[in-house]
Amino acid sequence: MKNFDEIEITSRLLNIILEMPVEQQLDLLDRLDISGYEGARRYARTYLKNPWIVLIDPEKEKMPYDYFIKDISRCGMFIETSQSFSVSQKITIQFQVPASKKVFKIMGEIVRRQKNGIGIKFNRLSH
């Protein structure tokens, strides 16, 4: 295999992608998303060493499940779960930051679903 530096690799990849028809670019993007590509983020995520427990729709569920927050930012979070949720589903999330006694209740929308969990975008904060 030929040795390339980072700039050469990036340049070659960019040229290959730009030469592709839009349909092929979209197909490549879909394949990258499935493999766990998260894309550029507007706000930095905090990856939790000890995931926090979160309740989803605690008022609606007769028997609330405990889920775990894997990472969180000021606009959303990723929750590990094997439960079935739908993209664009509106949910209420309730969690307590371990270092404090304050309970947060946030309305959100599921914007991404992966085999190991769901990505949620926060809509508004409740008391």
Protein backbone atom coordinates (compact mmCIF):
# COMPACT_ATOMS: atom_id res chain seq x y z
CA MET A 1 0.00 0.00 0.00
CA LYS A 2 1.27 3.42 -0.95
CA ASN A 3 2.03 5.86 1.90
CA PHE A 4 -0.12 9.01 1.90
CA ASP A 5 -0.19 11.92 4.27
CA GLU A 6 -3.42 13.21 5.78
CA ILE A 7 -3.88 16.05 3.28
CA GLU A 8 -3.43 13.69 0.30
CA ILE A 9 -5.96 11.22 1.73
CA THR A 10 -8.53 13.94 2.42
CA SER A 11 -8.00 15.50 -0.99
CA ARG A 12 -8.37 12.16 -2.79
CA LEU A 13 -11.53 11.26 -0.85
CA LEU A 14 -13.03 14.67 -1.57
CA ASN A 15 -12.27 14.36 -5.29
CA ILE A 16 -13.83 10.88 -5.44
CA ILE A 17 -16.98 12.10 -3.68
CA LEU A 18 -17.29 15.21 -5.85
CA GLU A 19 -17.04 13.06 -9.01
CA MET A 20 -19.95 10.86 -7.85
CA PRO A 21 -23.52 11.53 -8.93
CA VAL A 22 -25.73 12.84 -6.09
CA GLU A 23 -27.47 9.45 -5.77
CA GLN A 24 -24.13 7.76 -5.07
CA GLN A 25 -23.19 10.49 -2.58
CA LEU A 26 -26.47 9.92 -0.72
CA ASP A 27 -25.88 6.16 -0.74
CA LEU A 28 -22.40 6.68 0.70
CA LEU A 29 -23.80 9.02 3.35
CA ASP A 30 -26.42 6.42 4.33
CA ARG A 31 -23.74 3.75 4.65
CA LEU A 32 -21.58 6.01 6.81
CA ASP A 33 -24.55 6.89 9.04
CA ILE A 34 -25.35 3.20 9.58
CA SER A 35 -21.76 2.52 10.61
CA GLY A 36 -22.02 5.07 13.42
CA TYR A 37 -20.94 8.29 11.69
CA GLU A 38 -22.23 11.14 13.85
CA GLY A 39 -21.29 14.07 11.68
CA ALA A 40 -20.26 17.51 12.77
CA ARG A 41 -21.92 18.71 15.93
CA ARG A 42 -23.01 22.22 16.73
CA TYR A 43 -22.35 21.73 20.46
CA ALA A 44 -19.75 19.53 22.09
CA ARG A 45 -20.98 16.29 23.64
CA THR A 46 -19.98 15.12 27.08
CA TYR A 47 -19.43 11.36 27.11
CA LEU A 48 -20.29 9.97 30.52
CA LYS A 49 -17.96 7.47 32.19
CA ASN A 50 -20.80 6.33 34.46
CA PRO A 51 -24.01 6.71 32.45
CA TRP A 52 -26.89 8.51 34.17
CA ILE A 53 -30.26 6.84 34.56
CA VAL A 54 -33.09 8.52 32.67
CA LEU A 55 -36.85 7.92 32.64
CA ILE A 56 -38.73 8.34 29.37
CA ASP A 57 -42.37 9.53 29.52
CA PRO A 58 -42.69 8.78 33.26
CA GLU A 59 -46.33 10.02 33.37
CA LYS A 60 -47.44 7.91 30.38
CA GLU A 61 -45.74 4.62 31.24
CA LYS A 62 -47.46 2.41 33.81
CA MET A 63 -44.13 0.72 34.48
CA PRO A 64 -41.31 3.16 33.61
CA TYR A 65 -38.15 1.64 32.19
CA ASP A 66 -34.73 2.82 33.23
CA TYR A 67 -32.52 3.86 30.34
CA PHE A 68 -28.98 5.22 30.40
CA ILE A 69 -27.68 8.50 29.02
CA LYS A 70 -24.49 7.75 27.12
CA ASP A 71 -23.68 11.35 26.14
CA ILE A 72 -25.28 14.76 26.51
CA SER A 73 -24.90 18.27 25.08
CA ARG A 74 -26.82 21.49 25.55
CA CYS A 75 -29.19 20.56 22.69
CA GLY A 76 -29.63 16.80 23.02
CA MET A 77 -28.52 13.40 24.29
CA PHE A 78 -27.99 9.82 23.24
CA ILE A 79 -29.80 7.18 25.30
CA GLU A 80 -28.81 3.52 25.25
CA THR A 81 -31.89 1.34 24.83
CA SER A 82 -33.08 -1.74 23.01
CA GLN A 83 -36.72 -0.56 23.21
CA SER A 84 -38.49 0.40 19.99
CA PHE A 85 -38.90 4.13 19.38
CA SER A 86 -39.75 6.03 16.20
CA VAL A 87 -37.86 8.92 14.64
CA SER A 88 -39.85 12.16 15.16
CA GLN A 89 -41.62 10.67 18.21
CA LYS A 90 -42.14 13.30 20.94
CA ILE A 91 -41.10 12.21 24.43
CA THR A 92 -40.60 13.56 27.93
CA ILE A 93 -37.30 12.78 29.62
CA GLN A 94 -36.63 12.96 33.36
CA PHE A 95 -33.20 12.58 34.97
CA GLN A 96 -31.12 13.67 37.93
CA VAL A 97 -27.52 14.78 37.63
CA PRO A 98 -25.63 12.51 40.06
CA ALA A 99 -23.63 15.37 41.60
CA SER A 100 -26.79 17.30 42.55
CA LYS A 101 -30.30 16.70 43.83
CA LYS A 102 -31.90 18.69 40.99
CA VAL A 103 -34.27 16.72 38.77
CA PHE A 104 -34.54 17.80 35.13
CA LYS A 105 -37.65 17.19 33.05
CA ILE A 106 -37.17 17.90 29.36
CA MET A 107 -39.41 17.55 26.34
CA GLY A 108 -37.66 16.22 23.28
CA GLU A 109 -37.95 14.58 19.91
CA ILE A 110 -36.22 11.45 18.66
CA VAL A 111 -34.07 12.50 15.72
CA ARG A 112 -31.94 9.40 15.25
CA ARG A 113 -32.31 5.69 15.90
CA GLN A 114 -29.46 3.19 15.99
CA LYS A 115 -29.34 -0.44 17.04
CA ASN A 116 -27.96 0.48 20.48
CA GLY A 117 -30.13 3.52 21.23
CA ILE A 118 -31.75 6.81 20.23
CA GLY A 119 -30.61 10.38 19.64
CA ILE A 120 -32.87 13.01 21.18
CA LYS A 121 -33.07 16.72 20.44
CA PHE A 122 -34.30 18.82 23.36
CA ASN A 123 -37.38 20.96 22.73
CA ARG A 124 -37.90 22.72 26.05
CA LEU A 125 -37.08 22.43 29.72
CA SER A 126 -39.81 21.93 32.36
CA HIS A 127 -39.61 22.33 36.13
